[in-house]
Amino acid sequence: MSAFYLQNKDYFRCLAVPPRKHAEGIDIELGFEINAIEHKLHEQAFMQDPDGDVGTWGKMVHEAQTWIGLLPQTLLTPYDELSTMCDLIDLPGEAHVVDLGAAYGRMGFVLHHRHPDAHFTGIEIVPERVEEGNRLFAKHGCQNARLQCKDMFAKDFHLPLADCYLIYDYGAMDHIRWTMGQLQNLADVHKFQVIARGETIRSLIQYAHPWLADVGETKHEKNFSIFANYIFR
C-alpha cells in the first residue's frame, strides 16, 4: 500500500468521483476507522446531553468546538484539496508544516506523498483522533509525521516554528484571533506561509493582518488562500 501510493503521483487526486466520496475511499484503503470513532464520540456525547447538537457536544466534552456529530466527510478536508495545497505552497527541502486542528492528520499523508522530506506536525485536541492518525502514520512508514494531543488555546500553548501553518475556521472568532496573534508574534523572527481554509479566517487575514496579507503574493483557491510574510522565490 505505502509503496503504491508513493509511486502514483495522482493517488490523492480526485479524477472521476466527488471529492468527499473519493476521500472516503482513500480512508478505507489507508485503514482508517474514522466512521466508527466518530460514531462512538457521538454516542458518548449524546448520552451526556441528549438535547445537544453539533454546535454544543464538542464544547461540552472537550471544552472546545470539536464538531462531534458532524458527518466525517464534512468534518475533514478532502485529500484532493490537500494535494492542491501541497502543490501550491513554497517549501524548502526539509520543511516543517503545522496543521492546527488536524483531526486525523490527512495532511500528513498527502505531505508525505508530495514532499517526502518534509516534516508534519498536527495539533488536535481529541485523543481518539490523535491515536488513530498516529497508528496509521506508523503503519504506512510516515516517519516524519506525527499528531500531538494539545489544546491550542491553553495559556501555556505556544506555536512551534514552522515553514507553513494550516488554519481553519475553528468555530469561535476568539480562537481564530488567538492563533493569529501568536503567528504575528513569530512574524518578526521567522518567515512562513499560512494556508487559511474558510471564509472567516481568510477575511480576517485579508482585512485585519496586513503584516501577512500585504507582503507576499497571495494565492486564492475556491476554499482556501495561501498567504506569506515574505516574497515567494
Protein backbone atom coordinates (compact mmCIF):
# COMPACT_ATOMS: atom_id res chain seq x y z
CA MET A 1 0.00 0.00 0.00
CA SER A 2 2.65 2.51 1.04
CA ALA A 3 4.81 1.77 -1.99
CA PHE A 4 1.81 2.08 -4.31
CA TYR A 5 0.64 5.47 -3.17
CA LEU A 6 4.15 6.88 -3.09
CA GLN A 7 4.76 5.79 -6.69
CA ASN A 8 1.43 7.07 -8.01
CA LYS A 9 1.67 10.88 -8.31
CA ASP A 10 -2.12 11.19 -8.72
CA TYR A 11 -3.03 8.92 -5.80
CA PHE A 12 -4.64 11.68 -3.75
CA ARG A 13 -6.17 13.42 -6.76
CA CYS A 14 -9.91 13.22 -7.32
CA LEU A 15 -10.23 12.41 -11.02
CA ALA A 16 -13.60 10.75 -11.52
CA VAL A 17 -15.78 10.94 -8.38
CA PRO A 18 -16.93 13.70 -5.99
CA PRO A 19 -14.14 14.79 -3.57
CA ARG A 20 -15.82 13.52 -0.41
CA LYS A 21 -16.62 10.14 -1.97
CA HIS A 22 -13.03 9.90 -3.20
CA ALA A 23 -11.74 10.80 0.28
CA GLU A 24 -13.91 8.15 1.91
CA GLY A 25 -12.38 5.53 -0.39
CA ILE A 26 -8.84 6.69 0.43
CA ASP A 27 -9.61 6.50 4.16
CA ILE A 28 -10.70 2.89 3.70
CA GLU A 29 -7.61 1.99 1.67
CA LEU A 30 -5.30 3.54 4.24
CA GLY A 31 -7.08 1.63 7.02
CA PHE A 32 -8.75 4.47 8.94
CA GLU A 33 -11.60 3.64 11.33
CA ILE A 34 -12.95 7.18 11.23
CA ASN A 35 -16.66 6.36 10.95
CA ALA A 36 -16.54 4.04 13.95
CA ILE A 37 -14.58 6.53 16.07
CA GLU A 38 -16.82 9.47 15.23
CA HIS A 39 -19.92 7.34 15.87
CA LYS A 40 -18.60 6.39 19.31
CA LEU A 41 -17.77 10.02 20.13
CA HIS A 42 -21.29 10.99 19.06
CA GLU A 43 -22.86 8.28 21.20
CA GLN A 44 -20.88 9.32 24.27
CA ALA A 45 -21.78 12.98 23.82
CA PHE A 46 -25.45 12.18 23.18
CA MET A 47 -25.66 10.11 26.37
CA GLN A 48 -24.34 13.07 28.36
CA ASP A 49 -26.59 15.60 26.63
CA PRO A 50 -29.48 14.16 24.56
CA ASP A 51 -30.73 17.68 23.84
CA GLY A 52 -27.39 18.86 22.45
CA ASP A 53 -26.24 19.13 18.87
CA VAL A 54 -23.15 19.54 16.71
CA GLY A 55 -22.71 23.07 17.99
CA THR A 56 -22.65 22.04 21.69
CA TRP A 57 -21.42 18.45 22.07
CA GLY A 58 -17.76 19.14 21.35
CA LYS A 59 -17.68 22.13 23.71
CA MET A 60 -19.25 20.01 26.44
CA VAL A 61 -16.88 17.03 26.06
CA HIS A 62 -13.61 18.77 25.15
CA GLU A 63 -14.27 22.38 26.18
CA ALA A 64 -13.59 23.30 22.56
CA GLN A 65 -15.50 23.12 19.28
CA THR A 66 -14.54 19.64 18.05
CA TRP A 67 -17.59 19.16 15.80
CA ILE A 68 -18.79 15.93 17.40
CA GLY A 69 -21.83 14.69 15.48
CA LEU A 70 -20.73 16.14 12.16
CA LEU A 71 -20.51 13.66 9.29
CA PRO A 72 -16.85 12.60 8.90
CA GLN A 73 -16.57 13.64 5.26
CA THR A 74 -17.98 17.06 6.18
CA LEU A 75 -15.62 17.38 9.13
CA LEU A 76 -12.46 16.54 7.17
CA THR A 77 -10.78 18.36 4.28
CA PRO A 78 -10.79 16.18 1.12
CA TYR A 79 -7.48 14.67 0.02
CA ASP A 80 -7.75 16.31 -3.40
CA GLU A 81 -7.87 19.76 -1.82
CA LEU A 82 -4.96 18.95 0.49
CA SER A 83 -3.00 17.78 -2.54
CA THR A 84 -3.63 21.14 -4.25
CA MET A 85 -2.37 22.91 -1.14
CA CYS A 86 0.82 20.86 -1.14
CA ASP A 87 1.41 21.67 -4.81
CA LEU A 88 0.98 25.43 -4.26
CA ILE A 89 2.97 26.03 -1.07
CA ASP A 90 6.57 27.16 -1.28
CA LEU A 91 8.61 24.63 0.75
CA PRO A 92 12.34 24.17 1.35
CA GLY A 93 13.65 20.61 1.27
CA GLU A 94 13.11 19.63 4.91
CA ALA A 95 10.23 21.97 5.61
CA HIS A 96 8.01 21.82 8.68
CA VAL A 97 4.25 22.04 8.17
CA VAL A 98 1.98 22.51 11.20
CA ASP A 99 -1.74 21.71 10.92
CA LEU A 100 -3.78 23.49 13.60
CA GLY A 101 -6.89 21.42 14.19
CA ALA A 102 -5.58 18.44 12.25
CA ALA A 103 -8.26 15.87 13.17
CA TYR A 104 -6.90 12.53 11.86
CA GLY A 105 -3.88 14.02 10.08
CA ARG A 106 -4.89 13.55 6.47
CA MET A 107 -2.49 16.32 5.52
CA GLY A 108 0.38 14.26 6.91
CA PHE A 109 -0.24 11.53 4.35
CA VAL A 110 -0.55 13.95 1.45
CA LEU A 111 2.58 15.84 2.50
CA HIS A 112 4.49 12.54 2.82
CA HIS A 113 3.41 11.78 -0.75
CA ARG A 114 4.09 15.20 -2.33
CA HIS A 115 7.07 16.33 -0.22
CA PRO A 116 8.60 13.18 1.37
CA ASP A 117 11.44 15.10 3.06
CA ALA A 118 9.07 17.49 4.82
CA HIS A 119 8.03 17.17 8.46
CA PHE A 120 4.41 17.27 9.56
CA THR A 121 3.02 18.14 12.99
CA GLY A 122 -0.72 18.05 13.52
CA ILE A 123 -2.25 19.62 16.63
CA GLU A 124 -5.57 18.07 17.66
CA ILE A 125 -7.44 18.14 20.98
CA VAL A 126 -9.45 14.91 20.56
CA PRO A 127 -7.28 12.00 21.79
CA GLU A 128 -9.14 9.34 19.81
CA ARG A 129 -8.38 11.14 16.55
CA VAL A 130 -4.72 11.61 17.51
CA GLU A 131 -4.28 7.95 18.40
CA GLU A 132 -5.85 6.79 15.15
CA GLY A 133 -3.83 9.14 12.96
CA ASN A 134 -0.55 8.17 14.61
CA ARG A 135 -1.44 4.47 14.26
CA LEU A 136 -1.80 4.91 10.50
CA PHE A 137 1.37 7.03 10.21
CA ALA A 138 3.29 4.16 11.81
CA LYS A 139 1.56 1.55 9.65
CA HIS A 140 2.49 3.34 6.42
CA GLY A 141 6.00 4.37 7.37
CA CYS A 142 5.39 8.12 7.62
CA GLN A 143 8.35 8.70 9.94
CA ASN A 144 8.25 12.49 9.56
CA ALA A 145 4.58 12.81 10.50
CA ARG A 146 3.02 12.95 13.95
CA LEU A 147 -0.10 14.17 15.70
CA GLN A 148 0.02 15.80 19.13
CA CYS A 149 -2.92 15.90 21.52
CA LYS A 150 -2.92 19.51 22.73
CA ASP A 151 -5.29 22.36 23.42
CA MET A 152 -4.19 25.14 21.06
CA PHE A 153 -6.00 27.73 23.16
CA ALA A 154 -4.49 26.86 26.53
CA LYS A 155 -2.46 29.65 28.11
CA ASP A 156 0.70 27.53 28.09
CA PHE A 157 0.45 26.52 24.42
CA HIS A 158 2.98 28.04 22.06
CA LEU A 159 3.03 27.55 18.31
CA PRO A 160 6.00 25.50 17.12
CA LEU A 161 8.17 27.16 14.49
CA ALA A 162 7.17 26.05 11.00
CA ASP A 163 7.54 26.95 7.35
CA CYS A 164 3.80 26.64 6.79
CA TYR A 165 0.72 26.70 9.04
CA LEU A 166 -2.68 25.33 8.08
CA ILE A 167 -5.54 27.14 9.85
CA TYR A 168 -9.31 26.61 9.65
CA ASP A 169 -12.48 28.36 10.78
CA TYR A 170 -12.41 26.89 14.28
CA GLY A 171 -15.94 27.91 15.16
CA ALA A 172 -15.06 30.72 17.58
CA MET A 173 -13.71 34.09 16.48
CA ASP A 174 -11.76 34.49 19.73
CA HIS A 175 -9.85 31.30 18.94
CA ILE A 176 -9.03 32.44 15.41
CA ARG A 177 -7.79 35.79 16.74
CA TRP A 178 -5.72 33.98 19.38
CA THR A 179 -3.93 31.93 16.73
CA MET A 180 -3.35 34.96 14.51
CA GLY A 181 -1.89 36.83 17.46
CA GLN A 182 0.58 34.01 18.08
CA LEU A 183 1.54 33.99 14.41
CA GLN A 184 2.05 37.73 14.40
CA ASN A 185 4.43 37.37 17.35
CA LEU A 186 6.52 34.94 15.28
CA ALA A 187 6.48 37.03 12.11
CA ASP A 188 9.35 39.34 13.10
CA VAL A 189 11.77 36.47 13.62
CA HIS A 190 10.63 33.77 11.21
CA LYS A 191 9.28 33.58 7.66
CA PHE A 192 6.34 31.33 6.95
CA GLN A 193 3.24 30.74 4.88
CA VAL A 194 -0.32 30.37 6.12
CA ILE A 195 -2.92 28.22 4.40
CA ALA A 196 -6.25 29.69 5.52
CA ARG A 197 -9.27 27.46 4.89
CA GLY A 198 -12.68 29.01 5.46
CA GLU A 199 -14.26 32.38 4.80
CA THR A 200 -13.83 33.77 8.31
CA ILE A 201 -10.09 33.19 8.60
CA ARG A 202 -9.49 34.34 5.02
CA SER A 203 -11.38 37.59 5.56
CA LEU A 204 -9.74 38.24 8.91
CA ILE A 205 -6.25 37.93 7.41
CA GLN A 206 -7.16 39.99 4.36
CA TYR A 207 -8.62 42.92 6.30
CA ALA A 208 -7.01 42.83 9.75
CA HIS A 209 -3.50 41.43 9.24
CA PRO A 210 -1.61 43.48 6.63
CA TRP A 211 1.69 42.13 8.01
CA LEU A 212 0.67 38.89 6.30
CA ALA A 213 -1.85 39.77 3.59
CA ASP A 214 0.06 42.69 2.06
CA VAL A 215 3.60 41.27 1.97
CA GLY A 216 3.92 38.24 -0.29
CA GLU A 217 1.85 37.14 -3.25
CA THR A 218 -1.48 35.67 -2.12
CA LYS A 219 -2.79 32.57 -3.86
CA HIS A 220 -6.57 32.17 -3.81
CA GLU A 221 -8.42 28.92 -4.43
CA LYS A 222 -12.11 28.14 -4.02
CA ASN A 223 -11.97 27.03 -0.38
CA PHE A 224 -8.61 28.34 0.82
CA SER A 225 -5.97 31.02 0.36
CA ILE A 226 -2.21 30.91 0.83
CA PHE A 227 -0.55 33.94 2.43
CA ALA A 228 3.11 34.57 3.25
CA ASN A 229 5.06 37.09 5.30
CA TYR A 230 7.79 37.10 2.62
CA ILE A 231 8.07 37.21 -1.17
CA PHE A 232 7.85 33.80 -2.83
CA ARG A 233 11.00 32.78 -4.61
